[in-house]
C-alpha atoms as a PDB file:
ATOM      1  CA  MET A   1      -8.350   1.686  21.763  1.00  0.00           C
ATOM      2  CA  GLY A   2      -7.512   0.434  25.232  1.00  0.00           C
ATOM      3  CA  ASP A   3      -6.949   3.795  26.931  1.00  0.00           C
ATOM      4  CA  SER A   4      -9.217   6.539  28.251  1.00  0.00           C
ATOM      5  CA  ASN A   5      -8.873   8.742  25.162  1.00  0.00           C
ATOM      6  CA  PRO A   6     -11.729   8.388  22.690  1.00  0.00           C
ATOM      7  CA  THR A   7     -10.737   7.367  19.172  1.00  0.00           C
ATOM      8  CA  GLN A   8     -12.724   8.311  16.109  1.00  0.00           C
ATOM      9  CA  VAL A   9     -14.479   5.467  14.294  1.00  0.00           C
ATOM     10  CA  LYS A  10     -15.031   5.711  10.551  1.00  0.00           C
ATOM     11  CA  ILE A  11     -17.339   3.395   8.633  1.00  0.00           C
ATOM     12  CA  HIS A  12     -16.974   3.179   4.865  1.00  0.00           C
ATOM     13  CA  ASN A  13     -18.791   0.629   2.689  1.00  0.00           C
ATOM     14  CA  GLY A  14     -19.437  -1.568   5.729  1.00  0.00           C
ATOM     15  CA  ASN A  15     -15.797  -1.548   6.932  1.00  0.00           C
ATOM     16  CA  THR A  16     -15.020  -0.177  10.409  1.00  0.00           C
ATOM     17  CA  PHE A  17     -11.823   1.892  10.619  1.00  0.00           C
ATOM     18  CA  ILE A  18     -10.534   3.099  13.967  1.00  0.00           C
ATOM     19  CA  GLY A  19      -8.160   6.016  14.422  1.00  0.00           C
ATOM     20  CA  GLY A  20      -5.523   6.464  11.784  1.00  0.00           C
ATOM     21  CA  GLY A  21      -5.742   8.939   8.989  1.00  0.00           C
ATOM     22  CA  PHE A  22      -5.013   9.776   5.401  1.00  0.00           C
ATOM     23  CA  TRP A  23      -1.266   9.515   4.819  1.00  0.00           C
ATOM     24  CA  ASP A  24      -0.545   9.989   1.176  1.00  0.00           C
ATOM     25  CA  SER A  25      -2.185  10.915  -2.114  1.00  0.00           C
ATOM     26  CA  VAL A  26      -1.119  10.771  -5.744  1.00  0.00           C
ATOM     27  CA  PHE A  27      -2.549  11.224  -9.222  1.00  0.00           C
ATOM     28  CA  LEU A  28      -2.789   8.299 -11.607  1.00  0.00           C
ATOM     29  CA  LYS A  29      -3.770   7.853 -15.243  1.00  0.00           C
ATOM     30  CA  LEU A  30      -5.759   4.701 -15.985  1.00  0.00           C
ATOM     31  CA  SER A  31      -4.432   4.973 -19.538  1.00  0.00           C
ATOM     32  CA  PRO A  32      -1.792   7.274 -21.040  1.00  0.00           C
ATOM     33  CA  ASN A  33      -4.342   9.627 -22.687  1.00  0.00           C
ATOM     34  CA  GLU A  34      -6.921   9.864 -19.868  1.00  0.00           C
ATOM     35  CA  THR A  35      -7.463  12.551 -17.271  1.00  0.00           C
ATOM     36  CA  PRO A  36      -5.732  11.622 -13.993  1.00  0.00           C
ATOM     37  CA  ILE A  37      -7.721  10.249 -11.057  1.00  0.00           C
ATOM     38  CA  SER A  38      -6.914  10.729  -7.361  1.00  0.00           C
ATOM     39  CA  ILE A  39      -5.524   7.911  -5.240  1.00  0.00           C
ATOM     40  CA  ILE A  40      -5.676   8.456  -1.472  1.00  0.00           C
ATOM     41  CA  HIS A  41      -4.012   6.213   1.109  1.00  0.00           C
ATOM     42  CA  TYR A  42      -5.544   5.634   4.542  1.00  0.00           C
ATOM     43  CA  ALA A  43      -3.777   3.780   7.360  1.00  0.00           C
ATOM     44  CA  GLY A  44      -5.195   2.912  10.758  1.00  0.00           C
ATOM     45  CA  ASN A  45      -6.791   0.049  12.618  1.00  0.00           C
ATOM     46  CA  PHE A  46      -9.593  -2.200  11.453  1.00  0.00           C
ATOM     47  CA  TYR A  47     -12.256  -3.925  13.518  1.00  0.00           C
ATOM     48  CA  ASN A  48     -14.279  -6.731  11.999  1.00  0.00           C
ATOM     49  CA  GLY A  49     -17.511  -6.510  13.944  1.00  0.00           C
ATOM     50  CA  GLU A  50     -20.340  -4.302  15.155  1.00  0.00           C
ATOM     51  CA  LEU A  51     -19.658  -1.370  17.480  1.00  0.00           C
ATOM     52  CA  SER A  52     -22.044   0.457  19.767  1.00  0.00           C
ATOM     53  CA  GLN A  53     -21.729   3.797  21.547  1.00  0.00           C
ATOM     54  CA  GLY A  54     -19.351   3.401  24.485  1.00  0.00           C
ATOM     55  CA  ASP A  55     -17.645   0.172  23.323  1.00  0.00           C
ATOM     56  CA  VAL A  56     -13.996  -0.073  24.338  1.00  0.00           C
ATOM     57  CA  LEU A  57     -11.518  -2.038  22.236  1.00  0.00           C
ATOM     58  CA  THR A  58      -7.974  -3.114  22.958  1.00  0.00           C
ATOM     59  CA  ASN A  59      -5.221  -3.130  20.339  1.00  0.00           C
ATOM     60  CA  GLU A  60      -5.413  -6.928  20.333  1.00  0.00           C
ATOM     61  CA  GLN A  61      -9.003  -6.734  19.044  1.00  0.00           C
ATOM     62  CA  THR A  62      -8.023  -4.703  15.990  1.00  0.00           C
ATOM     63  CA  ASN A  63      -5.693  -5.159  13.032  1.00  0.00           C
ATOM     64  CA  LEU A  64      -3.467  -2.683  11.254  1.00  0.00           C
ATOM     65  CA  ILE A  65      -4.960  -1.806   7.919  1.00  0.00           C
ATOM     66  CA  SER A  66      -4.087   0.036   4.762  1.00  0.00           C
ATOM     67  CA  LYS A  67      -6.682   1.095   2.209  1.00  0.00           C
ATOM     68  CA  ILE A  68      -6.330   3.025  -0.991  1.00  0.00           C
ATOM     69  CA  PHE A  69      -9.274   4.941  -2.372  1.00  0.00           C
ATOM     70  CA  ALA A  70      -9.667   6.006  -6.000  1.00  0.00           C
ATOM     71  CA  PHE A  71     -11.785   8.989  -7.045  1.00  0.00           C
ATOM     72  CA  ASP A  72     -12.187  10.789 -10.329  1.00  0.00           C
ATOM     73  CA  THR A  73     -11.121  14.418 -10.186  1.00  0.00           C
ATOM     74  CA  SER A  74     -14.657  15.796 -10.521  1.00  0.00           C
ATOM     75  CA  LEU A  75     -16.678  16.777  -7.467  1.00  0.00           C
ATOM     76  CA  SER A  76     -18.055  13.243  -7.152  1.00  0.00           C
ATOM     77  CA  SER A  77     -17.556  11.483  -3.826  1.00  0.00           C
ATOM     78  CA  ASN A  78     -18.197   8.051  -5.308  1.00  0.00           C
ATOM     79  CA  GLU A  79     -15.246   5.727  -4.905  1.00  0.00           C
ATOM     80  CA  LEU A  80     -14.029   4.055  -8.102  1.00  0.00           C
ATOM     81  CA  PRO A  81     -13.967   0.251  -7.627  1.00  0.00           C
ATOM     82  CA  ILE A  82     -10.691  -0.386  -9.461  1.00  0.00           C
ATOM     83  CA  PHE A  83      -8.548  -2.254  -6.896  1.00  0.00           C
ATOM     84  CA  PRO A  84      -8.871  -5.907  -5.839  1.00  0.00           C
ATOM     85  CA  ASN A  85     -10.193  -6.410  -2.293  1.00  0.00           C
ATOM     86  CA  ASN A  86     -11.227  -2.721  -2.324  1.00  0.00           C
ATOM     87  CA  GLY A  87      -7.556  -1.737  -1.998  1.00  0.00           C
ATOM     88  CA  ILE A  88      -7.401  -3.142   1.561  1.00  0.00           C
ATOM     89  CA  HIS A  89      -4.433  -4.941   3.152  1.00  0.00           C
ATOM     90  CA  GLN A  90      -4.021  -5.857   6.785  1.00  0.00           C
ATOM     91  CA  GLU A  91      -0.516  -4.436   6.945  1.00  0.00           C
ATOM     92  CA  ASN A  92       1.095  -1.270   8.199  1.00  0.00           C
ATOM     93  CA  VAL A  93       1.731   0.713   5.006  1.00  0.00           C
ATOM     94  CA  ASN A  94       3.531   4.047   4.983  1.00  0.00           C
ATOM     95  CA  PHE A  95       3.590   5.329   1.441  1.00  0.00           C
ATOM     96  CA  ILE A  96       2.149   4.791  -2.009  1.00  0.00           C
ATOM     97  CA  GLU A  97       3.755   5.554  -5.330  1.00  0.00           C
ATOM     98  CA  VAL A  98       2.588   5.607  -8.937  1.00  0.00           C
ATOM     99  CA  MET A  99       5.053   4.248 -11.488  1.00  0.00           C
ATOM    100  CA  ASP A 100       5.107   2.017 -14.543  1.00  0.00           C
ATOM    101  CA  VAL A 101       6.365  -1.112 -12.790  1.00  0.00           C
ATOM    102  CA  ASN A 102       6.035  -3.530 -15.710  1.00  0.00           C
ATOM    103  CA  VAL A 103       7.102  -1.063 -18.447  1.00  0.00           C
ATOM    104  CA  ASP A 104       3.884  -1.281 -20.489  1.00  0.00           C
ATOM    105  CA  GLY A 105       3.188   2.463 -20.635  1.00  0.00           C
ATOM    106  CA  TYR A 106       0.404   2.361 -17.996  1.00  0.00           C
ATOM    107  CA  ASP A 107       0.535   3.688 -14.425  1.00  0.00           C
ATOM    108  CA  ASP A 108       0.741   1.025 -11.712  1.00  0.00           C
ATOM    109  CA  VAL A 109       0.463   1.561  -7.933  1.00  0.00           C
ATOM    110  CA  VAL A 110       2.930   0.456  -5.259  1.00  0.00           C
ATOM    111  CA  LYS A 111       2.152   0.373  -1.526  1.00  0.00           C
ATOM    112  CA  TYR A 112       5.272   0.289   0.670  1.00  0.00           C
ATOM    113  CA  PRO A 113       4.700  -1.578   3.956  1.00  0.00           C
ATOM    114  CA  TYR A 114       6.555  -0.617   7.105  1.00  0.00           C
ATOM    115  CA  ARG A 115       7.887  -2.444  10.164  1.00  0.00           C
ATOM    116  CA  TYR A 116       8.840  -6.040   9.336  1.00  0.00           C
ATOM    117  CA  GLU A 117       6.422  -6.272   6.403  1.00  0.00           C
ATOM    118  CA  GLY A 118       8.719  -4.523   3.951  1.00  0.00           C
ATOM    119  CA  LYS A 119       7.975  -6.290   0.666  1.00  0.00           C
ATOM    120  CA  PRO A 120       6.020  -3.910  -1.564  1.00  0.00           C
ATOM    121  CA  ILE A 121       2.417  -4.522  -2.576  1.00  0.00           C
ATOM    122  CA  VAL A 122       2.134  -3.955  -6.317  1.00  0.00           C
ATOM    123  CA  TYR A 123      -1.072  -3.273  -8.237  1.00  0.00           C
ATOM    124  CA  ILE A 124      -0.610  -3.793 -11.980  1.00  0.00           C
ATOM    125  CA  ASN A 125      -2.840  -1.752 -14.296  1.00  0.00           C
ATOM    126  CA  ASN A 126      -4.652  -4.309 -16.464  1.00  0.00           C
ATOM    127  CA  THR A 127      -5.234  -1.605 -19.162  1.00  0.00           C
ATOM    128  CA  SER A 128      -9.032  -1.957 -18.935  1.00  0.00           C
ATOM    129  CA  GLY A 129      -9.755   0.452 -16.074  1.00  0.00           C
ATOM    130  CA  SER A 130      -8.840  -1.706 -13.078  1.00  0.00           C
ATOM    131  CA  PHE A 131      -5.874  -3.360 -11.372  1.00  0.00           C
ATOM    132  CA  THR A 132      -4.660  -6.804 -10.358  1.00  0.00           C
ATOM    133  CA  GLU A 133      -2.292  -7.477  -7.496  1.00  0.00           C
ATOM    134  CA  LEU A 134       1.128  -8.829  -8.405  1.00  0.00           C
ATOM    135  CA  THR A 135       1.244 -12.223  -6.712  1.00  0.00           C
ATOM    136  CA  ASN A 136       4.324 -13.785  -8.289  1.00  0.00           C
ATOM    137  CA  SER A 137       6.341 -14.886  -5.270  1.00  0.00           C
ATOM    138  CA  ASN A 138       9.483 -15.214  -7.410  1.00  0.00           C
ATOM    139  CA  VAL A 139       9.644 -11.443  -7.876  1.00  0.00           C
ATOM    140  CA  PHE A 140      10.767 -10.590  -4.354  1.00  0.00           C
ATOM    141  CA  PRO A 141      13.498 -12.219  -2.252  1.00  0.00           C
ATOM    142  CA  SER A 142      12.025 -14.699   0.218  1.00  0.00           C
ATOM    143  CA  ASN A 143      15.037 -15.189   2.478  1.00  0.00           C
ATOM    144  CA  ILE A 144      15.122 -11.793   4.158  1.00  0.00           C
ATOM    145  CA  ASP A 145      13.962 -11.094   7.689  1.00  0.00           C
ATOM    146  CA  PHE A 146      13.415  -7.903   9.677  1.00  0.00           C
ATOM    147  CA  VAL A 147      12.877  -5.637   6.694  1.00  0.00           C
ATOM    148  CA  ASP A 148      11.400  -2.299   7.709  1.00  0.00           C
ATOM    149  CA  THR A 149      10.569  -0.835   4.341  1.00  0.00           C
ATOM    150  CA  SER A 150      11.487  -0.972   0.685  1.00  0.00           C
ATOM    151  CA  GLN A 151      11.499   1.134  -2.445  1.00  0.00           C
ATOM    152  CA  PHE A 152      11.711   0.547  -6.178  1.00  0.00           C
ATOM    153  CA  ILE A 153      14.457   2.533  -7.877  1.00  0.00           C
ATOM    154  CA  ASP A 154      16.486   2.117 -11.052  1.00  0.00           C
ATOM    155  CA  ILE A 155      19.843   2.315  -9.328  1.00  0.00           C
ATOM    156  CA  ASN A 156      22.000   1.288 -12.290  1.00  0.00           C
ATOM    157  CA  GLY A 157      20.170   3.226 -15.035  1.00  0.00           C
ATOM    158  CA  ASP A 158      19.263   0.191 -17.200  1.00  0.00           C
ATOM    159  CA  GLY A 159      15.541   1.036 -17.322  1.00  0.00           C
ATOM    160  CA  ILE A 160      14.620  -1.957 -15.108  1.00  0.00           C
ATOM    161  CA  LEU A 161      13.489  -1.339 -11.551  1.00  0.00           C
ATOM    162  CA  ASP A 162      15.726  -2.530  -8.744  1.00  0.00           C
ATOM    163  CA  ILE A 163      14.562  -2.786  -5.151  1.00  0.00           C
ATOM    164  CA  ILE A 164      16.249  -1.600  -1.991  1.00  0.00           C
ATOM    165  CA  PHE A 165      15.221  -2.847   1.453  1.00  0.00           C
ATOM    166  CA  ARG A 166      16.024  -1.219   4.768  1.00  0.00           C
ATOM    167  CA  HIS A 167      17.084  -3.987   7.148  1.00  0.00           C
ATOM    168  CA  SER A 168      16.147  -3.203  10.738  1.00  0.00           C
ATOM    169  CA  GLY A 169      18.387  -5.662  12.598  1.00  0.00           C
ATOM    170  CA  THR A 170      18.662  -4.841  16.284  1.00  0.00           C
ATOM    171  CA  SER A 171      19.170  -1.489  17.967  1.00  0.00           C
ATOM    172  CA  ASN A 172      22.873  -2.302  18.474  1.00  0.00           C
ATOM    173  CA  GLU A 173      23.576  -3.185  14.846  1.00  0.00           C
ATOM    174  CA  TYR A 174      24.525  -0.916  11.991  1.00  0.00           C
ATOM    175  CA  ILE A 175      21.497  -0.744   9.747  1.00  0.00           C
ATOM    176  CA  GLN A 176      22.566  -2.022   6.337  1.00  0.00           C
ATOM    177  CA  PRO A 177      20.378  -1.575   3.253  1.00  0.00           C
ATOM    178  CA  LEU A 178      19.887  -4.597   1.007  1.00  0.00           C
ATOM    179  CA  LEU A 179      19.923  -3.986  -2.753  1.00  0.00           C
ATOM    180  CA  PHE A 180      18.551  -6.389  -5.343  1.00  0.00           C
ATOM    181  CA  ILE A 181      19.295  -5.584  -8.968  1.00  0.00           C
ATOM    182  CA  GLY A 182      16.371  -6.203 -11.345  1.00  0.00           C
ATOM    183  CA  ARG A 183      17.105  -8.419 -14.341  1.00  0.00           C
ATOM    184  CA  LYS A 184      13.811  -7.924 -16.203  1.00  0.00           C
ATOM    185  CA  PRO A 185      10.638  -5.833 -15.794  1.00  0.00           C
ATOM    186  CA  LEU A 186       8.160  -6.989 -13.176  1.00  0.00           C
ATOM    187  CA  ILE A 187       5.287  -8.949 -14.616  1.00  0.00           C
ATOM    188  CA  ASP A 188       2.664 -11.190 -13.041  1.00  0.00           C
END
């Protein structure tokens, strides 16, 4: 990765992941009465090309990547193909969380980006064993800059998720959180 220290390369389903590691894991139920499955979050760098022994890459040749894997809780190592785009985003994501975002009784998954990409990535459980990504741009504020991270929380106890953003500002500024009160459940 641009220095003299070797970095481990992982290849999974034809995707090349460099460095990084597994950051977070949670259990999720595809439906309220099913056995939970495991969701594992990986974050690192991604290279879109072929690599050979001894190749050296710079940071500029790679992209930050976040991938979530889904596995049933048996001893199977087969990944469950339940997320759009294989659960991959080219963003720096810190944490994942399972919650019922749209209040339909089914577990949804939230990926919380970090470092200026702070709007959450929301996977809505489509109730048939897979997920769709929430793409409604009206759900999240569009006029905020320099957001480090975010989190859904019901701050006022009305049963509707609110969202709090951590505003990074500059190193000389007081870091002020931004709170947006939810008016209705999130839906696509």
